[in-house]
Amino acid sequence: DLHLEKAYEMLCQSLAWRRHHHIDNILEIWKPPEPLLD
């Protein structure tokens, strides 16, 4: 709701999550398991 501090806190946590799980290149490095594809 445009609250600056809350948005900043939420964003920082998300950026840390992205770094930890290598989200930026997930489309290149991750392939779904066969049951999901089939």
PDB file of all heavy atoms in Angstrom:
ATOM      1  N   ASP A   1       0.818  -1.220   0.000  1.00  0.00           N
ATOM      2  CA  ASP A   1       0.000   0.000   0.000  1.00  0.00           C
ATOM      3  C   ASP A   1       0.846   1.262   0.000  1.00  0.00           C
ATOM      4  O   ASP A   1       0.533   2.249   0.681  1.00  0.00           O
ATOM      5  CB  ASP A   1      -0.963   0.009   1.194  1.00  0.00           C
ATOM      6  CG  ASP A   1      -1.960  -1.127   1.121  1.00  0.00           C
ATOM      7  OD1 ASP A   1      -2.410  -1.446   0.004  1.00  0.00           O
ATOM      8  OD2 ASP A   1      -2.274  -1.709   2.178  1.00  0.00           O
ATOM      9  N   LEU A   2       1.951   1.224  -0.759  1.00  0.00           N
ATOM     10  CA  LEU A   2       2.869   2.354  -0.951  1.00  0.00           C
ATOM     11  C   LEU A   2       3.589   2.773   0.324  1.00  0.00           C
ATOM     12  O   LEU A   2       4.126   3.878   0.411  1.00  0.00           O
ATOM     13  CB  LEU A   2       2.132   3.557  -1.559  1.00  0.00           C
ATOM     14  CG  LEU A   2       1.415   3.310  -2.881  1.00  0.00           C
ATOM     15  CD1 LEU A   2       0.789   4.603  -3.383  1.00  0.00           C
ATOM     16  CD2 LEU A   2       2.362   2.736  -3.930  1.00  0.00           C
ATOM     17  N   HIS A   3       3.602   1.900   1.324  1.00  0.00           N
ATOM     18  CA  HIS A   3       4.351   2.185   2.554  1.00  0.00           C
ATOM     19  C   HIS A   3       5.830   1.896   2.279  1.00  0.00           C
ATOM     20  O   HIS A   3       6.223   0.749   2.050  1.00  0.00           O
ATOM     21  CB  HIS A   3       3.835   1.312   3.694  1.00  0.00           C
ATOM     22  CG  HIS A   3       4.359   1.706   5.043  1.00  0.00           C
ATOM     23  ND1 HIS A   3       5.671   1.486   5.419  1.00  0.00           N
ATOM     24  CD2 HIS A   3       3.759   2.308   6.102  1.00  0.00           C
ATOM     25  CE1 HIS A   3       5.850   1.922   6.653  1.00  0.00           C
ATOM     26  NE2 HIS A   3       4.712   2.433   7.088  1.00  0.00           N
ATOM     27  N   LEU A   4       6.647   2.927   2.322  1.00  0.00           N
ATOM     28  CA  LEU A   4       8.034   2.822   1.876  1.00  0.00           C
ATOM     29  C   LEU A   4       8.831   1.816   2.705  1.00  0.00           C
ATOM     30  O   LEU A   4       9.511   0.944   2.148  1.00  0.00           O
ATOM     31  CB  LEU A   4       8.696   4.206   1.929  1.00  0.00           C
ATOM     32  CG  LEU A   4      10.151   4.268   1.453  1.00  0.00           C
ATOM     33  CD1 LEU A   4      10.261   3.855  -0.002  1.00  0.00           C
ATOM     34  CD2 LEU A   4      10.716   5.673   1.658  1.00  0.00           C
ATOM     35  N   GLU A   5       8.786   1.919   4.027  1.00  0.00           N
ATOM     36  CA  GLU A   5       9.609   1.053   4.876  1.00  0.00           C
ATOM     37  C   GLU A   5       9.190  -0.413   4.749  1.00  0.00           C
ATOM     38  O   GLU A   5      10.034  -1.310   4.683  1.00  0.00           O
ATOM     39  CB  GLU A   5       9.511   1.509   6.336  1.00  0.00           C
ATOM     40  CG  GLU A   5      10.134   2.871   6.601  1.00  0.00           C
ATOM     41  CD  GLU A   5      11.617   2.898   6.264  1.00  0.00           C
ATOM     42  OE1 GLU A   5      12.293   1.857   6.432  1.00  0.00           O
ATOM     43  OE2 GLU A   5      12.107   3.958   5.838  1.00  0.00           O
ATOM     44  N   LYS A   6       7.884  -0.669   4.698  1.00  0.00           N
ATOM     45  CA  LYS A   6       7.412  -2.046   4.575  1.00  0.00           C
ATOM     46  C   LYS A   6       7.793  -2.636   3.218  1.00  0.00           C
ATOM     47  O   LYS A   6       8.188  -3.803   3.127  1.00  0.00           O
ATOM     48  CB  LYS A   6       5.899  -2.104   4.774  1.00  0.00           C
ATOM     49  CG  LYS A   6       5.450  -1.790   6.188  1.00  0.00           C
ATOM     50  CD  LYS A   6       3.932  -1.869   6.314  1.00  0.00           C
ATOM     51  CE  LYS A   6       3.486  -1.552   7.732  1.00  0.00           C
ATOM     52  NZ  LYS A   6       1.998  -1.608   7.864  1.00  0.00           N
ATOM     53  N   ALA A   7       7.665  -1.831   2.172  1.00  0.00           N
ATOM     54  CA  ALA A   7       8.041  -2.309   0.843  1.00  0.00           C
ATOM     55  C   ALA A   7       9.546  -2.574   0.773  1.00  0.00           C
ATOM     56  O   ALA A   7       9.985  -3.565   0.167  1.00  0.00           O
ATOM     57  CB  ALA A   7       7.632  -1.286  -0.217  1.00  0.00           C
ATOM     58  N   TYR A   8      10.337  -1.707   1.396  1.00  0.00           N
ATOM     59  CA  TYR A   8      11.791  -1.881   1.389  1.00  0.00           C
ATOM     60  C   TYR A   8      12.188  -3.167   2.112  1.00  0.00           C
ATOM     61  O   TYR A   8      13.031  -3.938   1.626  1.00  0.00           O
ATOM     62  CB  TYR A   8      12.441  -0.672   2.055  1.00  0.00           C
ATOM     63  CG  TYR A   8      13.941  -0.786   2.222  1.00  0.00           C
ATOM     64  CD1 TYR A   8      14.787  -0.669   1.127  1.00  0.00           C
ATOM     65  CD2 TYR A   8      14.503  -1.015   3.476  1.00  0.00           C
ATOM     66  CE1 TYR A   8      16.170  -0.779   1.272  1.00  0.00           C
ATOM     67  CE2 TYR A   8      15.874  -1.129   3.637  1.00  0.00           C
ATOM     68  CZ  TYR A   8      16.698  -1.008   2.539  1.00  0.00           C
ATOM     69  OH  TYR A   8      18.049  -1.127   2.685  1.00  0.00           O
ATOM     70  N   GLU A   9      11.585  -3.414   3.264  1.00  0.00           N
ATOM     71  CA  GLU A   9      11.889  -4.637   4.023  1.00  0.00           C
ATOM     72  C   GLU A   9      11.501  -5.882   3.228  1.00  0.00           C
ATOM     73  O   GLU A   9      12.263  -6.855   3.145  1.00  0.00           O
ATOM     74  CB  GLU A   9      11.140  -4.613   5.360  1.00  0.00           C
ATOM     75  CG  GLU A   9      11.390  -5.843   6.216  1.00  0.00           C
ATOM     76  CD  GLU A   9      10.609  -5.812   7.520  1.00  0.00           C
ATOM     77  OE1 GLU A   9       9.891  -4.819   7.762  1.00  0.00           O
ATOM     78  OE2 GLU A   9      10.706  -6.785   8.291  1.00  0.00           O
ATOM     79  N   MET A  10      10.318  -5.848   2.637  1.00  0.00           N
ATOM     80  CA  MET A  10       9.855  -6.982   1.834  1.00  0.00           C
ATOM     81  C   MET A  10      10.782  -7.224   0.640  1.00  0.00           C
ATOM     82  O   MET A  10      11.130  -8.366   0.313  1.00  0.00           O
ATOM     83  CB  MET A  10       8.427  -6.701   1.354  1.00  0.00           C
ATOM     84  CG  MET A  10       7.806  -7.785   0.517  1.00  0.00           C
ATOM     85  SD  MET A  10       6.160  -7.277  -0.063  1.00  0.00           S
ATOM     86  CE  MET A  10       5.655  -8.754  -0.956  1.00  0.00           C
ATOM     87  N   LEU A  11      11.205  -6.150  -0.003  1.00  0.00           N
ATOM     88  CA  LEU A  11      12.059  -6.253  -1.175  1.00  0.00           C
ATOM     89  C   LEU A  11      13.438  -6.800  -0.812  1.00  0.00           C
ATOM     90  O   LEU A  11      13.983  -7.658  -1.528  1.00  0.00           O
ATOM     91  CB  LEU A  11      12.187  -4.883  -1.839  1.00  0.00           C
ATOM     92  CG  LEU A  11      13.049  -4.800  -3.097  1.00  0.00           C
ATOM     93  CD1 LEU A  11      12.513  -5.713  -4.192  1.00  0.00           C
ATOM     94  CD2 LEU A  11      13.102  -3.365  -3.594  1.00  0.00           C
ATOM     95  N   CYS A  12      14.011  -6.335   0.280  1.00  0.00           N
ATOM     96  CA  CYS A  12      15.331  -6.815   0.693  1.00  0.00           C
ATOM     97  C   CYS A  12      15.306  -8.306   0.997  1.00  0.00           C
ATOM     98  O   CYS A  12      16.234  -9.046   0.650  1.00  0.00           O
ATOM     99  CB  CYS A  12      15.822  -6.030   1.912  1.00  0.00           C
ATOM    100  SG  CYS A  12      16.312  -4.335   1.543  1.00  0.00           S
ATOM    101  N   GLN A  13      14.251  -8.765   1.657  1.00  0.00           N
ATOM    102  CA  GLN A  13      14.121 -10.195   1.947  1.00  0.00           C
ATOM    103  C   GLN A  13      14.002 -10.998   0.660  1.00  0.00           C
ATOM    104  O   GLN A  13      14.582 -12.085   0.534  1.00  0.00           O
ATOM    105  CB  GLN A  13      12.909 -10.438   2.847  1.00  0.00           C
ATOM    106  CG  GLN A  13      13.074  -9.886   4.249  1.00  0.00           C
ATOM    107  CD  GLN A  13      11.812 -10.017   5.082  1.00  0.00           C
ATOM    108  OE1 GLN A  13      10.755 -10.419   4.585  1.00  0.00           O
ATOM    109  NE2 GLN A  13      11.902  -9.678   6.359  1.00  0.00           N
ATOM    110  N   SER A  14      13.273 -10.454  -0.312  1.00  0.00           N
ATOM    111  CA  SER A  14      13.121 -11.153  -1.584  1.00  0.00           C
ATOM    112  C   SER A  14      14.440 -11.191  -2.353  1.00  0.00           C
ATOM    113  O   SER A  14      14.784 -12.214  -2.969  1.00  0.00           O
ATOM    114  CB  SER A  14      12.041 -10.472  -2.433  1.00  0.00           C
ATOM    115  OG  SER A  14      11.888 -11.122  -3.675  1.00  0.00           O
ATOM    116  N   LEU A  15      15.197 -10.104  -2.337  1.00  0.00           N
ATOM    117  CA  LEU A  15      16.485 -10.088  -3.025  1.00  0.00           C
ATOM    118  C   LEU A  15      17.451 -11.097  -2.411  1.00  0.00           C
ATOM    119  O   LEU A  15      18.213 -11.766  -3.131  1.00  0.00           O
ATOM    120  CB  LEU A  15      17.085  -8.681  -2.974  1.00  0.00           C
ATOM    121  CG  LEU A  15      16.375  -7.615  -3.821  1.00  0.00           C
ATOM    122  CD1 LEU A  15      16.979  -6.243  -3.568  1.00  0.00           C
ATOM    123  CD2 LEU A  15      16.436  -7.960  -5.296  1.00  0.00           C
ATOM    124  N   ALA A  16      17.420 -11.205  -1.078  1.00  0.00           N
ATOM    125  CA  ALA A  16      18.262 -12.204  -0.415  1.00  0.00           C
ATOM    126  C   ALA A  16      17.835 -13.615  -0.814  1.00  0.00           C
ATOM    127  O   ALA A  16      18.678 -14.493  -1.038  1.00  0.00           O
ATOM    128  CB  ALA A  16      18.186 -12.026   1.102  1.00  0.00           C
ATOM    129  N   TRP A  17      16.532 -13.828  -0.894  1.00  0.00           N
ATOM    130  CA  TRP A  17      16.006 -15.138  -1.327  1.00  0.00           C
ATOM    131  C   TRP A  17      16.448 -15.445  -2.747  1.00  0.00           C
ATOM    132  O   TRP A  17      16.849 -16.575  -3.054  1.00  0.00           O
ATOM    133  CB  TRP A  17      14.488 -15.103  -1.216  1.00  0.00           C
ATOM    134  CG  TRP A  17      13.776 -16.276  -1.819  1.00  0.00           C
ATOM    135  CD1 TRP A  17      13.586 -17.508  -1.267  1.00  0.00           C
ATOM    136  CD2 TRP A  17      13.142 -16.323  -3.112  1.00  0.00           C
ATOM    137  NE1 TRP A  17      12.885 -18.321  -2.115  1.00  0.00           N
ATOM    138  CE2 TRP A  17      12.594 -17.627  -3.259  1.00  0.00           C
ATOM    139  CE3 TRP A  17      12.991 -15.402  -4.147  1.00  0.00           C
ATOM    140  CZ2 TRP A  17      11.903 -18.005  -4.403  1.00  0.00           C
ATOM    141  CZ3 TRP A  17      12.301 -15.775  -5.284  1.00  0.00           C
ATOM    142  CH2 TRP A  17      11.767 -17.066  -5.408  1.00  0.00           C
ATOM    143  N   ARG A  18      16.423 -14.476  -3.627  1.00  0.00           N
ATOM    144  CA  ARG A  18      16.832 -14.682  -5.015  1.00  0.00           C
ATOM    145  C   ARG A  18      18.316 -15.058  -5.095  1.00  0.00           C
ATOM    146  O   ARG A  18      18.700 -15.961  -5.843  1.00  0.00           O
ATOM    147  CB  ARG A  18      16.567 -13.427  -5.849  1.00  0.00           C
ATOM    148  CG  ARG A  18      15.112 -13.052  -5.999  1.00  0.00           C
ATOM    149  CD  ARG A  18      14.955 -11.863  -6.956  1.00  0.00           C
ATOM    150  NE  ARG A  18      15.303 -12.263  -8.309  1.00  0.00           N
ATOM    151  CZ  ARG A  18      14.436 -12.756  -9.194  1.00  0.00           C
ATOM    152  NH1 ARG A  18      13.166 -12.914  -8.856  1.00  0.00           N
ATOM    153  NH2 ARG A  18      14.834 -13.091 -10.407  1.00  0.00           N
ATOM    154  N   ARG A  19      19.135 -14.367  -4.322  1.00  0.00           N
ATOM    155  CA  ARG A  19      20.564 -14.683  -4.342  1.00  0.00           C
ATOM    156  C   ARG A  19      20.829 -16.086  -3.801  1.00  0.00           C
ATOM    157  O   ARG A  19      21.613 -16.843  -4.374  1.00  0.00           O
ATOM    158  CB  ARG A  19      21.341 -13.648  -3.522  1.00  0.00           C
ATOM    159  CG  ARG A  19      21.436 -12.271  -4.161  1.00  0.00           C
ATOM    160  CD  ARG A  19      22.479 -11.427  -3.464  1.00  0.00           C
ATOM    161  NE  ARG A  19      22.169 -11.266  -2.045  1.00  0.00           N
ATOM    162  CZ  ARG A  19      21.432 -10.262  -1.551  1.00  0.00           C
ATOM    163  NH1 ARG A  19      20.924  -9.341  -2.369  1.00  0.00           N
ATOM    164  NH2 ARG A  19      21.204 -10.171  -0.260  1.00  0.00           N
ATOM    165  N   HIS A  20      20.166 -16.418  -2.712  1.00  0.00           N
ATOM    166  CA  HIS A  20      20.413 -17.708  -2.047  1.00  0.00           C
ATOM    167  C   HIS A  20      20.019 -18.881  -2.941  1.00  0.00           C
ATOM    168  O   HIS A  20      20.692 -19.923  -2.947  1.00  0.00           O
ATOM    169  CB  HIS A  20      19.637 -17.763  -0.732  1.00  0.00           C
ATOM    170  CG  HIS A  20      19.809 -19.048   0.026  1.00  0.00           C
ATOM    171  ND1 HIS A  20      20.983 -19.370   0.667  1.00  0.00           N
ATOM    172  CD2 HIS A  20      18.959 -20.094   0.229  1.00  0.00           C
ATOM    173  CE1 HIS A  20      20.854 -20.565   1.241  1.00  0.00           C
ATOM    174  NE2 HIS A  20      19.640 -21.021   0.989  1.00  0.00           N
ATOM    175  N   HIS A  21      18.927 -18.724  -3.702  1.00  0.00           N
ATOM    176  CA  HIS A  21      18.424 -19.829  -4.521  1.00  0.00           C
ATOM    177  C   HIS A  21      18.779 -19.681  -6.002  1.00  0.00           C
ATOM    178  O   HIS A  21      18.268 -20.450  -6.823  1.00  0.00           O
ATOM    179  CB  HIS A  21      16.905 -19.938  -4.353  1.00  0.00           C
ATOM    180  CG  HIS A  21      16.468 -20.296  -2.965  1.00  0.00           C
ATOM    181  ND1 HIS A  21      16.589 -21.562  -2.452  1.00  0.00           N
ATOM    182  CD2 HIS A  21      15.914 -19.539  -1.980  1.00  0.00           C
ATOM    183  CE1 HIS A  21      16.130 -21.582  -1.212  1.00  0.00           C
ATOM    184  NE2 HIS A  21      15.715 -20.369  -0.895  1.00  0.00           N
ATOM    185  N   HIS A  22      19.632 -18.706  -6.343  1.00  0.00           N
ATOM    186  CA  HIS A  22      20.091 -18.521  -7.724  1.00  0.00           C
ATOM    187  C   HIS A  22      18.904 -18.391  -8.688  1.00  0.00           C
ATOM    188  O   HIS A  22      18.847 -19.043  -9.735  1.00  0.00           O
ATOM    189  CB  HIS A  22      20.985 -19.689  -8.148  1.00  0.00           C
ATOM    190  CG  HIS A  22      22.104 -19.979  -7.195  1.00  0.00           C
ATOM    191  ND1 HIS A  22      23.202 -19.140  -7.050  1.00  0.00           N
ATOM    192  CD2 HIS A  22      22.280 -20.992  -6.295  1.00  0.00           C
ATOM    193  CE1 HIS A  22      24.017 -19.636  -6.135  1.00  0.00           C
ATOM    194  NE2 HIS A  22      23.486 -20.745  -5.654  1.00  0.00           N
ATOM    195  N   ILE A  23      17.980 -17.525  -8.334  1.00  0.00           N
ATOM    196  CA  ILE A  23      16.750 -17.391  -9.110  1.00  0.00           C
ATOM    197  C   ILE A  23      16.990 -16.725 -10.459  1.00  0.00           C
ATOM    198  O   ILE A  23      16.310 -17.028 -11.438  1.00  0.00           O
ATOM    199  CB  ILE A  23      15.696 -16.588  -8.306  1.00  0.00           C
ATOM    200  CG1 ILE A  23      15.437 -17.262  -6.953  1.00  0.00           C
ATOM    201  CG2 ILE A  23      14.401 -16.457  -9.086  1.00  0.00           C
ATOM    202  CD1 ILE A  23      14.906 -18.674  -7.051  1.00  0.00           C
ATOM    203  N   ASP A  24      17.986 -15.845 -10.533  1.00  0.00           N
ATOM    204  CA  ASP A  24      18.181 -15.070 -11.761  1.00  0.00           C
ATOM    205  C   ASP A  24      18.404 -15.942 -12.999  1.00  0.00           C
ATOM    206  O   ASP A  24      18.020 -15.562 -14.105  1.00  0.00           O
ATOM    207  CB  ASP A  24      19.365 -14.112 -11.603  1.00  0.00           C
ATOM    208  CG  ASP A  24      19.053 -12.993 -10.626  1.00  0.00           C
ATOM    209  OD1 ASP A  24      17.874 -12.835 -10.288  1.00  0.00           O
ATOM    210  OD2 ASP A  24      19.994 -12.295 -10.204  1.00  0.00           O
ATOM    211  N   ASN A  25      19.003 -17.105 -12.808  1.00  0.00           N
ATOM    212  CA  ASN A  25      19.268 -17.965 -13.968  1.00  0.00           C
ATOM    213  C   ASN A  25      18.568 -19.313 -13.868  1.00  0.00           C
ATOM    214  O   ASN A  25      19.014 -20.293 -14.450  1.00  0.00           O
ATOM    215  CB  ASN A  25      20.777 -18.161 -14.143  1.00  0.00           C
ATOM    216  CG  ASN A  25      21.434 -18.724 -12.894  1.00  0.00           C
ATOM    217  OD1 ASN A  25      20.806 -18.873 -11.852  1.00  0.00           O
ATOM    218  ND2 ASN A  25      22.710 -19.033 -12.991  1.00  0.00           N
ATOM    219  N   ILE A  26      17.476 -19.377 -13.128  1.00  0.00           N
ATOM    220  CA  ILE A  26      16.781 -20.652 -12.938  1.00  0.00           C
ATOM    221  C   ILE A  26      16.224 -21.193 -14.250  1.00  0.00           C
ATOM    222  O   ILE A  26      16.150 -22.405 -14.455  1.00  0.00           O
ATOM    223  CB  ILE A  26      15.658 -20.517 -11.880  1.00  0.00           C
ATOM    224  CG1 ILE A  26      15.135 -21.912 -11.513  1.00  0.00           C
ATOM    225  CG2 ILE A  26      14.537 -19.621 -12.372  1.00  0.00           C
ATOM    226  CD1 ILE A  26      14.188 -21.905 -10.338  1.00  0.00           C
ATOM    227  N   LEU A  27      15.827 -20.302 -15.158  1.00  0.00           N
ATOM    228  CA  LEU A  27      15.267 -20.768 -16.424  1.00  0.00           C
ATOM    229  C   LEU A  27      16.319 -21.473 -17.280  1.00  0.00           C
ATOM    230  O   LEU A  27      15.969 -22.286 -18.150  1.00  0.00           O
ATOM    231  CB  LEU A  27      14.662 -19.595 -17.202  1.00  0.00           C
ATOM    232  CG  LEU A  27      13.435 -18.940 -16.574  1.00  0.00           C
ATOM    233  CD1 LEU A  27      12.971 -17.765 -17.427  1.00  0.00           C
ATOM    234  CD2 LEU A  27      12.309 -19.948 -16.396  1.00  0.00           C
ATOM    235  N   GLU A  28      17.597 -21.165 -17.033  1.00  0.00           N
ATOM    236  CA  GLU A  28      18.661 -21.798 -17.802  1.00  0.00           C
ATOM    237  C   GLU A  28      19.198 -23.049 -17.125  1.00  0.00           C
ATOM    238  O   GLU A  28      19.598 -24.006 -17.803  1.00  0.00           O
ATOM    239  CB  GLU A  28      19.815 -20.809 -18.021  1.00  0.00           C
ATOM    240  CG  GLU A  28      19.513 -19.683 -18.995  1.00  0.00           C
ATOM    241  CD  GLU A  28      18.610 -18.605 -18.406  1.00  0.00           C
ATOM    242  OE1 GLU A  28      18.731 -18.368 -17.188  1.00  0.00           O
ATOM    243  OE2 GLU A  28      17.805 -18.022 -19.149  1.00  0.00           O
ATOM    244  N   ILE A  29      19.199 -23.086 -15.795  1.00  0.00           N
ATOM    245  CA  ILE A  29      19.885 -24.186 -15.107  1.00  0.00           C
ATOM    246  C   ILE A  29      18.952 -25.258 -14.576  1.00  0.00           C
ATOM    247  O   ILE A  29      19.405 -26.351 -14.232  1.00  0.00           O
ATOM    248  CB  ILE A  29      20.746 -23.638 -13.940  1.00  0.00           C
ATOM    249  CG1 ILE A  29      19.844 -23.033 -12.849  1.00  0.00           C
ATOM    250  CG2 ILE A  29      21.762 -22.622 -14.433  1.00  0.00           C
ATOM    251  CD1 ILE A  29      20.599 -22.581 -11.612  1.00  0.00           C
ATOM    252  N   TRP A  30      17.644 -24.975 -14.479  1.00  0.00           N
ATOM    253  CA  TRP A  30      16.736 -25.968 -13.884  1.00  0.00           C
ATOM    254  C   TRP A  30      15.834 -26.587 -14.943  1.00  0.00           C
ATOM    255  O   TRP A  30      15.264 -25.875 -15.775  1.00  0.00           O
ATOM    256  CB  TRP A  30      15.872 -25.328 -12.792  1.00  0.00           C
ATOM    257  CG  TRP A  30      14.952 -26.326 -12.135  1.00  0.00           C
ATOM    258  CD1 TRP A  30      15.285 -27.245 -11.184  1.00  0.00           C
ATOM    259  CD2 TRP A  30      13.559 -26.495 -12.384  1.00  0.00           C
ATOM    260  NE1 TRP A  30      14.182 -27.979 -10.842  1.00  0.00           N
ATOM    261  CE2 TRP A  30      13.103 -27.548 -11.560  1.00  0.00           C
ATOM    262  CE3 TRP A  30      12.650 -25.870 -13.235  1.00  0.00           C
ATOM    263  CZ2 TRP A  30      11.787 -27.982 -11.551  1.00  0.00           C
ATOM    264  CZ3 TRP A  30      11.334 -26.307 -13.236  1.00  0.00           C
ATOM    265  CH2 TRP A  30      10.911 -27.342 -12.399  1.00  0.00           C
ATOM    266  N   LYS A  31      15.697 -27.885 -14.885  1.00  0.00           N
ATOM    267  CA  LYS A  31      14.790 -28.607 -15.761  1.00  0.00           C
ATOM    268  C   LYS A  31      13.784 -29.369 -14.904  1.00  0.00           C
ATOM    269  O   LYS A  31      14.172 -30.041 -13.945  1.00  0.00           O
ATOM    270  CB  LYS A  31      15.554 -29.594 -16.656  1.00  0.00           C
ATOM    271  CG  LYS A  31      16.606 -28.938 -17.543  1.00  0.00           C
ATOM    272  CD  LYS A  31      15.976 -27.903 -18.481  1.00  0.00           C
ATOM    273  CE  LYS A  31      17.032 -27.246 -19.362  1.00  0.00           C
ATOM    274  NZ  LYS A  31      16.438 -26.157 -20.207  1.00  0.00           N
ATOM    275  N   PRO A  32      12.495 -29.281 -15.233  1.00  0.00           N
ATOM    276  CA  PRO A  32      11.476 -29.951 -14.409  1.00  0.00           C
ATOM    277  C   PRO A  32      11.606 -31.464 -14.483  1.00  0.00           C
ATOM    278  O   PRO A  32      12.013 -32.009 -15.508  1.00  0.00           O
ATOM    279  CB  PRO A  32      10.155 -29.469 -15.027  1.00  0.00           C
ATOM    280  CG  PRO A  32      10.505 -29.065 -16.415  1.00  0.00           C
ATOM    281  CD  PRO A  32      11.903 -28.555 -16.364  1.00  0.00           C
ATOM    282  N   PRO A  33      11.274 -32.176 -13.390  1.00  0.00           N
ATOM    283  CA  PRO A  33      11.320 -33.644 -13.403  1.00  0.00           C
ATOM    284  C   PRO A  33      10.301 -34.221 -14.379  1.00  0.00           C
ATOM    285  O   PRO A  33       9.314 -33.564 -14.724  1.00  0.00           O
ATOM    286  CB  PRO A  33      11.003 -34.016 -11.952  1.00  0.00           C
ATOM    287  CG  PRO A  33      10.281 -32.838 -11.400  1.00  0.00           C
ATOM    288  CD  PRO A  33      10.839 -31.640 -12.096  1.00  0.00           C
ATOM    289  N   GLU A  34      10.532 -35.445 -14.789  1.00  0.00           N
ATOM    290  CA  GLU A  34       9.688 -36.085 -15.790  1.00  0.00           C
ATOM    291  C   GLU A  34       8.203 -36.110 -15.420  1.00  0.00           C
ATOM    292  O   GLU A  34       7.350 -35.851 -16.273  1.00  0.00           O
ATOM    293  CB  GLU A  34      10.192 -37.503 -16.064  1.00  0.00           C
ATOM    294  CG  GLU A  34      11.521 -37.545 -16.800  1.00  0.00           C
ATOM    295  CD  GLU A  34      11.432 -36.888 -18.173  1.00  0.00           C
ATOM    296  OE1 GLU A  34      10.377 -37.017 -18.834  1.00  0.00           O
ATOM    297  OE2 GLU A  34      12.401 -36.234 -18.584  1.00  0.00           O
ATOM    298  N   PRO A  35       7.843 -36.451 -14.165  1.00  0.00           N
ATOM    299  CA  PRO A  35       6.405 -36.470 -13.844  1.00  0.00           C
ATOM    300  C   PRO A  35       5.711 -35.137 -14.090  1.00  0.00           C
ATOM    301  O   PRO A  35       4.561 -35.093 -14.519  1.00  0.00           O
ATOM    302  CB  PRO A  35       6.385 -36.842 -12.349  1.00  0.00           C
ATOM    303  CG  PRO A  35       7.646 -37.614 -12.150  1.00  0.00           C
ATOM    304  CD  PRO A  35       8.660 -36.952 -13.040  1.00  0.00           C
ATOM    305  N   LEU A  36       6.425 -34.033 -13.832  1.00  0.00           N
ATOM    306  CA  LEU A  36       5.825 -32.725 -14.085  1.00  0.00           C
ATOM    307  C   LEU A  36       5.624 -32.495 -15.578  1.00  0.00           C
ATOM    308  O   LEU A  36       4.600 -31.971 -16.016  1.00  0.00           O
ATOM    309  CB  LEU A  36       6.706 -31.615 -13.502  1.00  0.00           C
ATOM    310  CG  LEU A  36       6.589 -31.350 -12.001  1.00  0.00           C
ATOM    311  CD1 LEU A  36       7.598 -30.311 -11.572  1.00  0.00           C
ATOM    312  CD2 LEU A  36       5.190 -30.909 -11.627  1.00  0.00           C
ATOM    313  N   LEU A  37       6.597 -32.907 -16.368  1.00  0.00           N
ATOM    314  CA  LEU A  37       6.489 -32.719 -17.812  1.00  0.00           C
ATOM    315  C   LEU A  37       5.392 -33.592 -18.415  1.00  0.00           C
ATOM    316  O   LEU A  37       4.663 -33.176 -19.319  1.00  0.00           O
ATOM    317  CB  LEU A  37       7.827 -33.051 -18.482  1.00  0.00           C
ATOM    318  CG  LEU A  37       8.984 -32.075 -18.228  1.00  0.00           C
ATOM    319  CD1 LEU A  37      10.267 -32.620 -18.830  1.00  0.00           C
ATOM    320  CD2 LEU A  37       8.675 -30.703 -18.792  1.00  0.00           C
ATOM    321  N   ASP A  38       5.263 -34.809 -17.897  1.00  0.00           N
ATOM    322  CA  ASP A  38       4.347 -35.778 -18.500  1.00  0.00           C
ATOM    323  C   ASP A  38       2.916 -35.662 -18.007  1.00  0.00           C
ATOM    324  O   ASP A  38       1.976 -35.974 -18.743  1.00  0.00           O
ATOM    325  CB  ASP A  38       4.849 -37.199 -18.240  1.00  0.00           C
ATOM    326  CG  ASP A  38       6.167 -37.470 -18.951  1.00  0.00           C
ATOM    327  OD1 ASP A  38       6.461 -36.746 -19.927  1.00  0.00           O
ATOM    328  OD2 ASP A  38       6.892 -38.386 -18.531  1.00  0.00           O
TER     329      ASP A  38
END
